[in-house]
Every structure is written in C-alpha cells, then in structure tokens.
Amino acid sequence: MNGEFRASRNQVSIFDHCVTNINPRNLLVQAVAGSGKSTTLFHLVRILKERGKLGRAVLLAFNKDIATELKKKGLPAATFHSLGLAAIYQYCRRGKLIEPTIEQYKCADIFDHMDIQEDHKRLYKANVLKLVSLSKNANIDPTTDSAVDQIEDLAFRHDVDSEHHEYQDVIAAMYTSNVLMKSNNDIALIDFDDMLYMPVNRMMSFATYKWCFVDESQDTNLLQREFLRLLRAQHYVFVGDRSQAIYGFRGADSEAMDLIKDEFDCAELPLSVCYRCPTVVLDMARPYCPSIEARENAPVGVFKDLGQDYGLDEFVASDVVLCRNIRPLITLALRMYAEGLKAHLLGRDIGKGIIKLVDKMKAHSTENLEDNLLAFYTKLSLKTKESEQGVLESLLDKIECIQAVIASLEVNTIENLRKKIDSLFSQKGGVTLSTIHKSKGGQWPRVFLLDENLLPSPYAKQGWQIQQENNLRYVSYTRAEKELYFIASTQSS
C-alpha cells in the first residue's frame, strides 16, 4: 500500500505541517465528504512512525464500529468512552474503591427513589432522564448556583417539554439537578454518559499522549472537548466536515469545528477533493459545501428526478434508498415485501422506539391504539411551543409508521403489530433503506433520495436546526458514487 500511495497536494500540506515542523501547532482539517480522511490519517501515522516522531498516540473515533474499522487499517483507534471507562477503573484502583458496575438505568433508579409526589414522578420522569443525559454531555456542574438555569436552557434548545398543564420547566430542571448530583456522587454505578462525565468532573488522570487524532470532530460536544483537554496531548489533529454536522439533536455542538479551532488554537488545512462523487452530484452539493472539489478526470455521473416513475423491481442489492423521515421508508419496505422483493431497514433502535410508543399507549386493540395516538398527538400539539415543534414532527413520523404497519396486518392485534415492526428492522439482504442520519459514513453506487421535499423540515425554526437540515441534504447527495435519483412516494404509499 505504501509503495502505491501518492499524496495529494492537500495531504502533502497536512503531512508537512505535522512532520517537518519541530513543534507543530494543533491542526484542524476541514475534510469534505469522500476526501479520504481514513487514508490521510493512516499515512500521517505511518510517516510520523517512520520518522520516529509518533510516540504514544490515540485516534478517537465516533463509535465502536468505526474504531474497529480504523484498527483494521492499522490505526491506534479507540472511542472516547473506552478511554473514559479505563480512567474510571484506574481511579477506583488507586483510591482503593470497589470496581464500578455499568448500569444503564442508574439515573432512573435514583429518580424513582427521590422523595417527591408520585404524580410528579409520573409527570416528570421521562423528561428528567433526558435532561440528565443532556446535562452530563454539556458538562453541567450541579453544585453551582447556575445549574438549574443552565438545565432550563438545555430544555429549551432540545425541545424537552410536556403537554401537561401542571408541568413546569423549572421543576423539571430542579429534579434534574438533584438526580445529576446523586449520580455524580455514586461512582459504584456508572452509565454510558458517566464514562465521560465522571473523568471530567473529577479531573481524572490519563496516560500521556504525544499525538491525539480526533475523527468526526464536527459531532463533538462540550463534554468531549473538556475530556480531550484532560488527555494533555502534545499535539492534536482534528478531522471533520462542518457541512456534515447533523447530530445537534443529540447534544453535539452545531459549531463544534469552529469552537475546536478557537479553544485548541488550531491551524486549519483542507481536504477539499472528493474522490467519491461524480461532478453532477458535486455541483448539487456545492451550495451546501462551497469548498468541495472534483477529483481529476471525475466522471459526470447521472442525476434524474424520477418522481413516481420507477418500479420496485428496478432496485438492486447495491442500491440505497434514503429519506429524512422513517415513515416513507417503512411504507416502501412493506410494498417491497408484499411483492416478494428483498430490502433491509437500517436502525434497530428506530424500531425499538416505535414499539416503545405502542407500549406507552396501553391499548387493548389496534383501533384503540390509533385513537390513543390521535388523542396523545392532539394534546401535545395544543401545548407545544413553536420552538419545540420538532417533538411533534418526530411523534407524527412514528404514528404514521404505526398506521402504515397496521394497514398491512392480516390479523390486527397489538402483538402482531409489535412483531411486524420488529421484523421490519430484522430483515437482511436486498436494497438498503435508511434515514439520512443512519447513512452517514456510507457510500453506494446508486442513491435514491425518497421524498426530498421533506428537506428542510418545516419544524426547523432555530438557526442551528435549519443549518443541520441543509447539512442533511448535503450528506444524502454525497453518498452517491455514480448515480443520484430523486423519487417520490406513490399515492398508494
């Protein structure tokens, strides 16, 4: 591989910055879609190692699957959470504390044992648990006087509210602060968020790294940046794409790249050449990422808006159908299964979320379920503020998914409905059906964007939300290696 590699002009600039400088400044790499981030990092690590300049290094990946793939390529990859968990174990050993147990329901148990009214427990529990997770990722210290105000701000930003007339944001924030305090004081049990929150909150020590490389930097949040500071690496290299920041709803900072550049005093260099997409796709993507360039001799490729003029049997196994929402994908999957065609939906967690909503309605029949869902949606719509309309959009998408599955059942029972939803996300083989969020990091020869009119969401009101909707469109376009098509749901869908 090394003998065949010829560095691009962008890669040469990055390698020179890190290798030839005696004490290189921290570096932020703005890497457009398909620009070869992994290849660049692989060869940067290789060159540093060959020159005797690598030392102890770590490459932090977005999740475990990506870390595993990067390790296969010879990179010193890990996840934020694996490093954090190791630091917690070391902290406990040094302090002669019992080794902690991982317990995902830790904060739910804390809330259940709080000395508050039972009706308040029922009213506030779900939102308090959401806010505890968001508060940890925002590195909120519950011991400060401003903690409750900070939590209220988080609730507003992330549309965490209730339709109930007795619900009060300040009470939810106070309960959240109390749970956060008790959770942080209990190191014998840790949940997923604690793996980063506790090391930062307790200023735990880490192994010393000469180089720290951070992939998908556009999806980092405040807690992760504080975590990175604890590593005290001599040199940081951050790689990401501002136009692929799409996880603001999970707590990622929509301006993460610019915050990193400022907070870590980074020089910035580009990886601006896309080696994946044809020129027709790049022309469509460029309004959302002006710096993206075509590779030398890039093919023109194909773009067509097919509308409803397509047949289900025209899809092949190497295709992907992308959509902003899940309902059109489920409807398409049901149609394909009915015609004996293979397809698989990405996102088992999405299916579990839909089943959870079914269970929440406590319905005794599918007819009763649809009535309960309508009543639930109506109540929520009457109480939801304009800035929190995203909650309604997500709920409506799930309700329409449930209605579509009910319509496909031969025997309408709640149990059959639950089984059908689960089976939809368990299929293997055939064309891939995916939300745009789930497709990030993937690429396919032919990409079909279903119901592109769903972008941007009409519920995106705040500036950062609108920007992330534009980023979703950019991500969807740049999954295409050869051909991109717009298709529309048929009237029967």
Protein backbone atom coordinates (compact mmCIF):
# COMPACT_ATOMS: atom_id res chain seq x y z
CA MET A 1 0.00 0.00 0.00
CA ASN A 2 2.81 2.39 0.93
CA GLY A 3 4.54 1.97 -2.45
CA GLU A 4 1.35 2.76 -4.37
CA PHE A 5 0.39 5.82 -2.34
CA ARG A 6 0.81 9.23 -3.94
CA ALA A 7 -0.12 12.11 -1.67
CA SER A 8 -2.40 14.83 -2.99
CA ARG A 9 -1.49 18.48 -2.61
CA ASN A 10 -3.82 18.72 0.40
CA GLN A 11 -2.27 15.67 2.03
CA VAL A 12 1.26 16.97 1.44
CA SER A 13 0.35 20.18 3.29
CA ILE A 14 -1.04 18.18 6.23
CA PHE A 15 1.98 15.86 6.37
CA ASP A 16 4.42 18.77 6.15
CA HIS A 17 2.66 20.62 8.93
CA CYS A 18 2.81 17.66 11.31
CA VAL A 19 6.14 16.11 10.32
CA THR A 20 8.54 18.87 9.27
CA ASN A 21 7.72 21.39 11.99
CA ILE A 22 9.75 20.95 15.18
CA ASN A 23 6.77 21.81 17.39
CA PRO A 24 3.70 21.73 15.12
CA ARG A 25 0.68 23.77 16.10
CA ASN A 26 -2.56 21.86 16.72
CA LEU A 27 -4.32 21.20 13.43
CA LEU A 28 -7.94 21.27 12.27
CA VAL A 29 -8.58 19.51 8.94
CA GLN A 30 -11.75 20.52 7.09
CA ALA A 31 -12.37 17.27 5.20
CA VAL A 32 -15.22 17.25 2.71
CA ALA A 33 -17.27 14.12 2.03
CA GLY A 34 -15.32 11.40 0.22
CA SER A 35 -11.96 13.15 0.65
CA GLY A 36 -10.11 10.16 2.10
CA LYS A 37 -9.94 11.02 5.80
CA SER A 38 -9.02 7.50 6.88
CA THR A 39 -6.35 7.20 4.18
CA THR A 40 -4.88 10.55 5.21
CA LEU A 41 -4.80 9.60 8.89
CA PHE A 42 -3.30 6.20 8.09
CA HIS A 43 -0.41 7.69 6.14
CA LEU A 44 0.10 10.54 8.60
CA VAL A 45 0.50 7.99 11.40
CA ARG A 46 2.77 5.87 9.18
CA ILE A 47 5.04 8.79 8.28
CA LEU A 48 5.27 10.02 11.88
CA LYS A 49 6.18 6.50 12.97
CA GLU A 50 8.81 6.08 10.23
CA ARG A 51 10.39 9.41 11.21
CA GLY A 52 10.44 8.44 14.88
CA LYS A 53 8.03 11.24 15.78
CA LEU A 54 4.85 9.34 16.64
CA GLY A 55 5.39 8.24 20.22
CA ARG A 56 2.29 7.27 22.17
CA ALA A 57 -0.76 8.09 20.06
CA VAL A 58 -4.51 7.61 20.01
CA LEU A 59 -7.15 8.17 17.35
CA LEU A 60 -10.58 8.83 18.84
CA ALA A 61 -13.45 7.56 16.71
CA PHE A 62 -17.17 8.42 16.79
CA ASN A 63 -18.29 4.93 17.83
CA LYS A 64 -17.06 1.38 18.44
CA ASP A 65 -17.77 0.15 14.91
CA ILE A 66 -15.73 2.95 13.35
CA ALA A 67 -12.92 2.37 15.86
CA THR A 68 -12.85 -1.32 14.92
CA GLU A 69 -12.63 -0.49 11.21
CA LEU A 70 -9.84 2.02 11.82
CA LYS A 71 -7.91 -0.55 13.88
CA LYS A 72 -8.11 -2.95 10.94
CA LYS A 73 -6.37 -0.26 8.87
CA GLY A 74 -3.52 -0.13 11.38
CA LEU A 75 -4.57 2.99 13.25
CA PRO A 76 -4.33 3.33 17.07
CA ALA A 77 -8.08 3.80 17.37
CA ALA A 78 -10.28 3.94 20.45
CA THR A 79 -13.54 5.59 21.46
CA PHE A 80 -13.98 8.43 23.92
CA HIS A 81 -15.98 6.11 26.14
CA SER A 82 -13.41 3.29 26.19
CA LEU A 83 -10.71 5.75 27.34
CA GLY A 84 -13.07 7.24 29.92
CA LEU A 85 -14.03 3.85 31.31
CA ALA A 86 -10.38 2.86 31.62
CA ALA A 87 -9.69 6.10 33.52
CA ILE A 88 -12.57 5.39 35.93
CA TYR A 89 -11.27 1.87 36.65
CA GLN A 90 -7.78 3.24 37.25
CA TYR A 91 -9.17 5.98 39.52
CA CYS A 92 -11.01 3.41 41.61
CA ARG A 93 -7.99 1.12 41.88
CA ARG A 94 -5.77 3.98 43.02
CA GLY A 95 -8.36 5.12 45.55
CA LYS A 96 -8.94 1.54 46.72
CA LEU A 97 -12.58 1.85 45.75
CA ILE A 98 -14.78 -1.01 44.61
CA GLU A 99 -14.69 -1.51 40.84
CA PRO A 100 -17.82 0.18 39.43
CA THR A 101 -20.66 -1.68 37.75
CA ILE A 102 -22.13 -0.45 34.47
CA GLU A 103 -25.84 0.18 34.99
CA GLN A 104 -27.77 1.91 32.21
CA TYR A 105 -30.81 2.51 34.46
CA LYS A 106 -28.78 4.17 37.20
CA CYS A 107 -30.42 7.61 36.93
CA ALA A 108 -33.91 6.13 36.53
CA ASP A 109 -33.41 4.28 39.81
CA ILE A 110 -32.18 7.46 41.50
CA PHE A 111 -35.27 9.34 40.33
CA ASP A 112 -37.61 6.54 41.42
CA HIS A 113 -36.23 6.76 44.97
CA MET A 114 -36.49 10.54 45.27
CA ASP A 115 -38.80 11.81 47.99
CA ILE A 116 -41.33 13.52 45.73
CA GLN A 117 -45.03 13.09 44.98
CA GLU A 118 -45.96 10.03 42.93
CA ASP A 119 -47.87 12.12 40.40
CA HIS A 120 -44.73 14.21 39.88
CA LYS A 121 -42.72 11.06 39.27
CA ARG A 122 -45.12 10.05 36.52
CA LEU A 123 -45.21 13.56 35.05
CA TYR A 124 -41.51 14.41 35.09
CA LYS A 125 -39.56 11.14 34.88
CA ALA A 126 -39.08 10.84 31.12
CA ASN A 127 -38.01 14.45 30.64
CA VAL A 128 -35.77 14.48 33.71
CA LEU A 129 -33.87 11.47 32.40
CA LYS A 130 -33.42 13.17 29.02
CA LEU A 131 -32.21 16.33 30.72
CA VAL A 132 -29.79 14.43 32.96
CA SER A 133 -28.13 12.93 29.88
CA LEU A 134 -28.03 16.29 28.11
CA SER A 135 -26.67 17.96 31.26
CA LYS A 136 -23.84 15.46 31.53
CA ASN A 137 -22.91 15.99 27.91
CA ALA A 138 -23.00 19.74 28.45
CA ASN A 139 -20.72 19.23 31.49
CA ILE A 140 -23.10 21.00 33.86
CA ASP A 141 -21.90 21.02 37.47
CA PRO A 142 -24.95 20.54 39.76
CA THR A 143 -23.12 22.15 42.68
CA THR A 144 -23.08 25.59 41.03
CA ASP A 145 -25.74 28.25 41.59
CA SER A 146 -26.42 28.47 37.85
CA ALA A 147 -27.07 24.74 37.34
CA VAL A 148 -30.89 24.99 37.25
CA ASP A 149 -30.79 27.92 34.79
CA GLN A 150 -28.35 26.01 32.57
CA ILE A 151 -30.62 22.97 32.56
CA GLU A 152 -33.63 25.11 31.64
CA ASP A 153 -31.63 26.48 28.69
CA LEU A 154 -30.86 22.92 27.59
CA ALA A 155 -34.54 22.01 27.79
CA PHE A 156 -35.42 24.91 25.51
CA ARG A 157 -32.66 24.16 22.99
CA HIS A 158 -33.56 20.48 22.74
CA ASP A 159 -37.36 20.82 22.91
CA VAL A 160 -37.71 18.89 26.17
CA ASP A 161 -41.18 19.79 27.38
CA SER A 162 -44.57 18.32 28.26
CA GLU A 163 -48.14 18.92 27.15
CA HIS A 164 -49.42 18.56 30.72
CA HIS A 165 -50.86 21.76 32.16
CA GLU A 166 -49.17 21.19 35.54
CA TYR A 167 -45.71 20.68 34.05
CA GLN A 168 -43.20 23.41 34.92
CA ASP A 169 -39.78 23.74 33.31
CA VAL A 170 -38.14 24.99 36.50
CA ILE A 171 -39.36 21.98 38.50
CA ALA A 172 -38.04 19.63 35.83
CA ALA A 173 -34.70 21.45 35.99
CA MET A 174 -34.58 21.19 39.80
CA TYR A 175 -35.32 17.46 39.73
CA THR A 176 -32.68 17.05 37.04
CA SER A 177 -30.09 18.88 39.14
CA ASN A 178 -30.84 16.63 42.11
CA VAL A 179 -30.51 13.44 40.07
CA LEU A 180 -27.32 14.75 38.50
CA MET A 181 -25.86 15.46 41.93
CA LYS A 182 -26.69 12.00 43.31
CA SER A 183 -25.49 10.29 40.15
CA ASN A 184 -22.14 12.06 40.23
CA ASN A 185 -21.64 11.18 43.90
CA ASP A 186 -22.20 7.47 43.21
CA ILE A 187 -19.16 6.06 41.40
CA ALA A 188 -20.05 2.45 42.32
CA LEU A 189 -22.55 2.52 39.43
CA ILE A 190 -21.88 4.21 36.12
CA ASP A 191 -23.95 4.68 32.98
CA PHE A 192 -22.83 5.43 29.43
CA ASP A 193 -22.74 9.22 29.96
CA ASP A 194 -20.72 8.80 33.17
CA MET A 195 -17.85 7.32 31.16
CA LEU A 196 -17.03 10.86 30.01
CA TYR A 197 -18.75 12.97 32.65
CA MET A 198 -17.06 11.47 35.70
CA PRO A 199 -13.48 11.69 34.39
CA VAL A 200 -14.04 15.34 33.50
CA ASN A 201 -15.96 16.24 36.67
CA ARG A 202 -13.37 14.54 38.90
CA MET A 203 -10.36 15.63 36.81
CA MET A 204 -9.13 12.05 36.46
CA SER A 205 -5.67 11.36 35.09
CA PHE A 206 -4.89 9.67 31.77
CA ALA A 207 -1.89 8.19 30.05
CA THR A 208 0.21 10.88 28.37
CA TYR A 209 -0.12 11.01 24.58
CA LYS A 210 2.22 12.70 22.18
CA TRP A 211 -0.41 12.72 19.43
CA CYS A 212 -4.18 12.70 19.68
CA PHE A 213 -6.16 12.40 16.44
CA VAL A 214 -9.92 13.05 16.54
CA ASP A 215 -12.17 11.80 13.75
CA GLU A 216 -15.68 13.21 13.02
CA SER A 217 -14.81 16.32 15.02
CA GLN A 218 -17.93 18.13 13.79
CA ASP A 219 -20.04 15.85 16.00
CA THR A 220 -18.28 16.56 19.30
CA ASN A 221 -19.82 18.37 22.25
CA LEU A 222 -18.61 20.45 25.20
CA LEU A 223 -18.00 17.42 27.42
CA GLN A 224 -15.86 15.72 24.78
CA ARG A 225 -13.77 18.85 24.31
CA GLU A 226 -13.20 19.05 28.06
CA PHE A 227 -12.33 15.34 28.01
CA LEU A 228 -9.76 15.95 25.26
CA ARG A 229 -8.09 18.63 27.34
CA LEU A 230 -7.58 16.09 30.14
CA LEU A 231 -5.51 13.94 27.77
CA ARG A 232 -2.91 16.74 27.67
CA ALA A 233 -1.54 15.54 24.35
CA GLN A 234 1.41 17.43 22.95
CA HIS A 235 -0.25 17.64 19.55
CA TYR A 236 -3.90 17.41 18.47
CA VAL A 237 -5.16 16.76 14.95
CA PHE A 238 -8.92 17.22 14.48
CA VAL A 239 -10.57 15.96 11.29
CA GLY A 240 -14.18 16.68 10.34
CA ASP A 241 -16.57 18.43 7.97
CA ARG A 242 -18.62 21.43 9.04
CA SER A 243 -21.23 20.51 6.43
CA GLN A 244 -21.74 17.04 7.93
CA ALA A 245 -22.71 18.26 11.41
CA ILE A 246 -26.14 16.60 11.80
CA TYR A 247 -26.28 15.44 15.42
CA GLY A 248 -27.26 18.65 17.19
CA PHE A 249 -30.44 16.94 18.40
CA ARG A 250 -28.21 14.53 20.39
CA GLY A 251 -26.29 17.32 22.09
CA ALA A 252 -23.43 17.81 19.62
CA ASP A 253 -22.44 21.45 19.17
CA SER A 254 -23.56 22.66 15.75
CA GLU A 255 -20.48 24.92 15.65
CA ALA A 256 -18.11 22.26 17.01
CA MET A 257 -15.40 22.73 14.37
CA ASP A 258 -15.12 26.47 14.96
CA LEU A 259 -15.17 26.00 18.72
CA ILE A 260 -12.37 23.44 18.47
CA LYS A 261 -10.30 25.74 16.26
CA ASP A 262 -10.61 28.54 18.80
CA GLU A 263 -10.29 26.55 22.03
CA PHE A 264 -7.32 24.44 20.90
CA ASP A 265 -5.63 27.25 18.91
CA CYS A 266 -5.56 25.23 15.70
CA ALA A 267 -4.15 25.97 12.30
CA GLU A 268 -6.61 24.88 9.58
CA LEU A 269 -5.88 22.95 6.40
CA PRO A 270 -8.29 21.45 3.85
CA LEU A 271 -9.00 18.05 2.39
CA SER A 272 -11.17 19.56 -0.31
CA VAL A 273 -11.07 16.98 -3.12
CA CYS A 274 -13.90 14.44 -3.19
CA TYR A 275 -12.78 11.08 -4.60
CA ARG A 276 -16.25 9.52 -4.33
CA CYS A 277 -18.82 11.51 -6.23
CA PRO A 278 -19.30 12.39 -9.92
CA THR A 279 -19.34 16.02 -10.95
CA VAL A 280 -23.11 16.26 -11.36
CA VAL A 281 -23.53 15.31 -7.70
CA LEU A 282 -20.80 17.70 -6.56
CA ASP A 283 -22.50 20.54 -8.42
CA MET A 284 -25.61 19.81 -6.39
CA ALA A 285 -23.65 19.56 -3.13
CA ARG A 286 -21.58 22.70 -3.60
CA PRO A 287 -24.25 25.20 -2.41
CA TYR A 288 -24.05 23.44 0.97
CA CYS A 289 -20.25 22.99 0.97
CA PRO A 290 -18.64 25.56 -1.36
CA SER A 291 -15.11 24.19 -0.88
CA ILE A 292 -15.80 20.69 -2.26
CA GLU A 293 -13.82 19.90 -5.42
CA ALA A 294 -14.00 17.13 -8.01
CA ARG A 295 -11.11 14.71 -8.43
CA GLU A 296 -9.10 14.79 -11.63
CA ASN A 297 -10.99 13.18 -14.51
CA ALA A 298 -14.07 12.65 -12.36
CA PRO A 299 -16.98 11.22 -14.37
CA VAL A 300 -20.04 13.33 -14.99
CA GLY A 301 -22.32 10.73 -13.43
CA VAL A 302 -26.10 10.66 -13.51
CA PHE A 303 -28.80 12.69 -11.81
CA LYS A 304 -32.50 12.29 -12.54
CA ASP A 305 -35.69 13.33 -10.79
CA LEU A 306 -37.87 10.29 -11.44
CA GLY A 307 -40.85 11.38 -9.37
CA GLN A 308 -43.17 8.37 -9.19
CA ASP A 309 -41.90 6.94 -12.48
CA TYR A 310 -39.98 3.96 -11.13
CA GLY A 311 -40.61 0.29 -10.46
CA LEU A 312 -39.74 -1.51 -7.24
CA ASP A 313 -38.12 -4.31 -9.24
CA GLU A 314 -35.61 -1.79 -10.64
CA PHE A 315 -33.73 -1.63 -7.35
CA VAL A 316 -30.68 -3.87 -6.95
CA ALA A 317 -28.91 -5.06 -3.80
CA SER A 318 -26.13 -2.46 -4.10
CA ASP A 319 -28.63 0.46 -4.07
CA VAL A 320 -29.68 2.58 -1.14
CA VAL A 321 -32.92 4.49 -0.65
CA LEU A 322 -32.51 7.44 1.72
CA CYS A 323 -35.17 9.57 3.35
CA ARG A 324 -35.25 12.25 6.00
CA ASN A 325 -38.15 10.51 7.79
CA ILE A 326 -38.72 6.87 8.59
CA ARG A 327 -42.41 6.55 7.59
CA PRO A 328 -41.86 6.68 3.80
CA LEU A 329 -39.14 4.06 4.16
CA ILE A 330 -41.37 1.72 6.16
CA THR A 331 -44.15 2.14 3.61
CA LEU A 332 -41.73 1.36 0.80
CA ALA A 333 -40.41 -1.70 2.68
CA LEU A 334 -43.94 -3.03 3.17
CA ARG A 335 -44.66 -2.63 -0.54
CA MET A 336 -41.46 -4.44 -1.47
CA TYR A 337 -42.10 -7.32 0.94
CA ALA A 338 -45.65 -7.64 -0.42
CA GLU A 339 -44.18 -8.13 -3.89
CA GLY A 340 -41.63 -10.65 -2.67
CA LEU A 341 -38.67 -8.27 -3.05
CA LYS A 342 -35.76 -8.11 -0.61
CA ALA A 343 -34.89 -5.00 1.37
CA HIS A 344 -33.48 -4.20 4.78
CA LEU A 345 -34.06 -1.18 7.01
CA LEU A 346 -31.12 0.25 8.94
CA GLY A 347 -31.69 1.24 12.55
CA ARG A 348 -32.85 -1.36 15.07
CA ASP A 349 -33.01 1.44 17.64
CA ILE A 350 -35.62 3.20 15.49
CA GLY A 351 -37.82 0.10 15.53
CA LYS A 352 -37.46 -0.18 19.30
CA GLY A 353 -38.52 3.45 19.66
CA ILE A 354 -41.69 2.84 17.63
CA ILE A 355 -42.54 -0.25 19.70
CA LYS A 356 -41.96 1.77 22.86
CA LEU A 357 -44.57 4.29 21.70
CA VAL A 358 -47.04 1.45 21.03
CA ASP A 359 -46.50 0.12 24.56
CA LYS A 360 -46.82 3.59 26.07
CA MET A 361 -50.38 3.92 24.73
CA LYS A 362 -51.51 0.86 26.76
CA ALA A 363 -54.06 -0.01 24.06
CA HIS A 364 -56.11 -3.23 24.03
CA SER A 365 -56.59 -3.24 20.24
CA THR A 366 -55.15 -1.58 17.15
CA GLU A 367 -58.32 0.53 16.82
CA ASN A 368 -57.92 1.67 20.41
CA LEU A 369 -54.22 2.31 19.75
CA GLU A 370 -54.96 4.63 16.84
CA ASP A 371 -57.49 6.53 18.94
CA ASN A 372 -55.00 6.87 21.80
CA LEU A 373 -52.25 8.03 19.46
CA LEU A 374 -54.52 10.67 17.95
CA ALA A 375 -55.54 11.91 21.40
CA PHE A 376 -51.91 11.95 22.54
CA TYR A 377 -50.81 13.90 19.48
CA THR A 378 -53.69 16.38 19.81
CA LYS A 379 -52.88 17.11 23.46
CA LEU A 380 -49.20 17.55 22.67
CA SER A 381 -49.90 19.86 19.73
CA LEU A 382 -52.05 22.14 21.89
CA LYS A 383 -49.31 22.55 24.48
CA THR A 384 -46.17 22.55 22.33
CA LYS A 385 -44.42 25.85 21.81
CA GLU A 386 -43.43 26.99 18.33
CA SER A 387 -39.74 26.48 19.15
CA GLU A 388 -40.44 22.88 20.15
CA GLN A 389 -42.25 21.68 17.04
CA GLY A 390 -39.56 19.09 16.37
CA VAL A 391 -41.13 16.99 19.12
CA LEU A 392 -44.37 16.91 17.14
CA GLU A 393 -42.59 16.03 13.92
CA SER A 394 -40.85 13.04 15.48
CA LEU A 395 -44.08 11.84 17.10
CA LEU A 396 -46.09 12.23 13.89
CA ASP A 397 -43.47 10.28 11.94
CA LYS A 398 -43.75 7.39 14.41
CA ILE A 399 -47.56 7.50 14.41
CA GLU A 400 -47.65 7.34 10.61
CA CYS A 401 -45.23 4.39 10.75
CA ILE A 402 -47.57 2.58 13.12
CA GLN A 403 -50.58 3.32 10.93
CA ALA A 404 -48.78 2.01 7.86
CA VAL A 405 -47.86 -1.24 9.60
CA ILE A 406 -51.40 -1.70 10.98
CA ALA A 407 -52.77 -1.35 7.45
CA SER A 408 -50.51 -4.20 6.33
CA LEU A 409 -51.56 -6.67 9.04
CA GLU A 410 -53.68 -9.67 8.17
CA VAL A 411 -54.81 -10.01 11.80
CA ASN A 412 -54.99 -6.72 13.66
CA THR A 413 -53.67 -7.31 17.17
CA ILE A 414 -51.19 -5.35 19.25
CA GLU A 415 -48.90 -8.37 19.50
CA ASN A 416 -48.90 -8.85 15.72
CA LEU A 417 -48.16 -5.17 15.30
CA ARG A 418 -45.17 -5.34 17.65
CA LYS A 419 -43.83 -8.44 15.87
CA LYS A 420 -44.26 -6.85 12.44
CA ILE A 421 -42.41 -3.69 13.46
CA ASP A 422 -39.58 -5.75 14.93
CA SER A 423 -39.37 -7.90 11.81
CA LEU A 424 -39.13 -4.86 9.55
CA PHE A 425 -35.82 -3.94 11.17
CA SER A 426 -34.55 -7.54 11.26
CA GLN A 427 -34.57 -8.28 7.53
CA LYS A 428 -31.28 -8.96 5.75
CA GLY A 429 -30.23 -8.64 2.12
CA GLY A 430 -31.61 -6.69 -0.78
CA VAL A 431 -31.70 -2.94 -1.26
CA THR A 432 -30.75 -0.83 1.77
CA LEU A 433 -33.39 1.53 3.18
CA SER A 434 -32.03 4.15 5.55
CA THR A 435 -32.68 7.52 7.10
CA ILE A 436 -30.09 10.10 6.10
CA HIS A 437 -28.78 10.18 9.67
CA LYS A 438 -28.16 6.43 9.63
CA SER A 439 -26.43 6.59 6.23
CA LYS A 440 -23.62 8.86 7.38
CA GLY A 441 -20.26 7.25 6.70
CA GLY A 442 -21.68 5.02 3.96
CA GLN A 443 -21.45 5.14 0.19
CA TRP A 444 -23.33 3.37 -2.60
CA PRO A 445 -23.08 3.26 -6.41
CA ARG A 446 -26.69 4.41 -6.78
CA VAL A 447 -28.52 6.59 -4.25
CA PHE A 448 -32.27 7.17 -4.37
CA LEU A 449 -33.44 10.11 -2.26
CA LEU A 450 -37.07 9.45 -1.36
CA ASP A 451 -39.39 12.44 -0.91
CA GLU A 452 -36.65 15.07 -0.99
CA ASN A 453 -39.35 17.68 -0.35
CA LEU A 454 -39.18 16.63 3.32
CA LEU A 455 -35.95 18.67 3.46
CA PRO A 456 -35.80 21.03 5.20
CA SER A 457 -38.17 20.02 7.94
CA PRO A 458 -40.93 22.61 8.40
CA TYR A 459 -40.35 22.24 12.13
CA ALA A 460 -36.76 23.53 11.93
CA LYS A 461 -37.10 27.06 13.31
CA GLN A 462 -33.86 27.88 15.09
CA GLY A 463 -30.82 28.83 13.05
CA TRP A 464 -28.78 25.79 14.04
CA GLN A 465 -31.70 23.50 13.18
CA ILE A 466 -32.06 24.98 9.69
CA GLN A 467 -28.32 24.63 9.12
CA GLN A 468 -28.41 20.97 10.11
CA GLU A 469 -31.30 20.37 7.71
CA ASN A 470 -29.12 21.77 4.92
CA ASN A 471 -26.31 19.50 6.11
CA LEU A 472 -28.65 16.51 5.86
CA ARG A 473 -29.27 17.28 2.20
CA TYR A 474 -25.51 17.53 1.61
CA VAL A 475 -24.92 14.21 3.36
CA SER A 476 -27.63 12.50 1.30
CA TYR A 477 -26.21 13.72 -2.01
CA THR A 478 -22.61 12.78 -1.21
CA ARG A 479 -23.35 9.11 -0.50
CA ALA A 480 -23.56 8.61 -4.30
CA GLU A 481 -20.56 7.10 -6.09
CA LYS A 482 -22.09 7.09 -9.58
CA GLU A 483 -25.77 7.98 -9.78
CA LEU A 484 -28.25 10.04 -7.77
CA TYR A 485 -32.02 9.92 -8.21
CA PHE A 486 -34.93 11.72 -6.61
CA ILE A 487 -38.02 9.54 -6.21
CA ALA A 488 -41.41 10.25 -4.68
CA SER A 489 -43.71 8.03 -2.67
CA THR A 490 -46.57 6.76 -4.78
CA GLN A 491 -50.12 7.83 -3.97
CA SER A 492 -50.77 4.38 -2.57
CA SER A 493 -47.97 4.99 -0.08
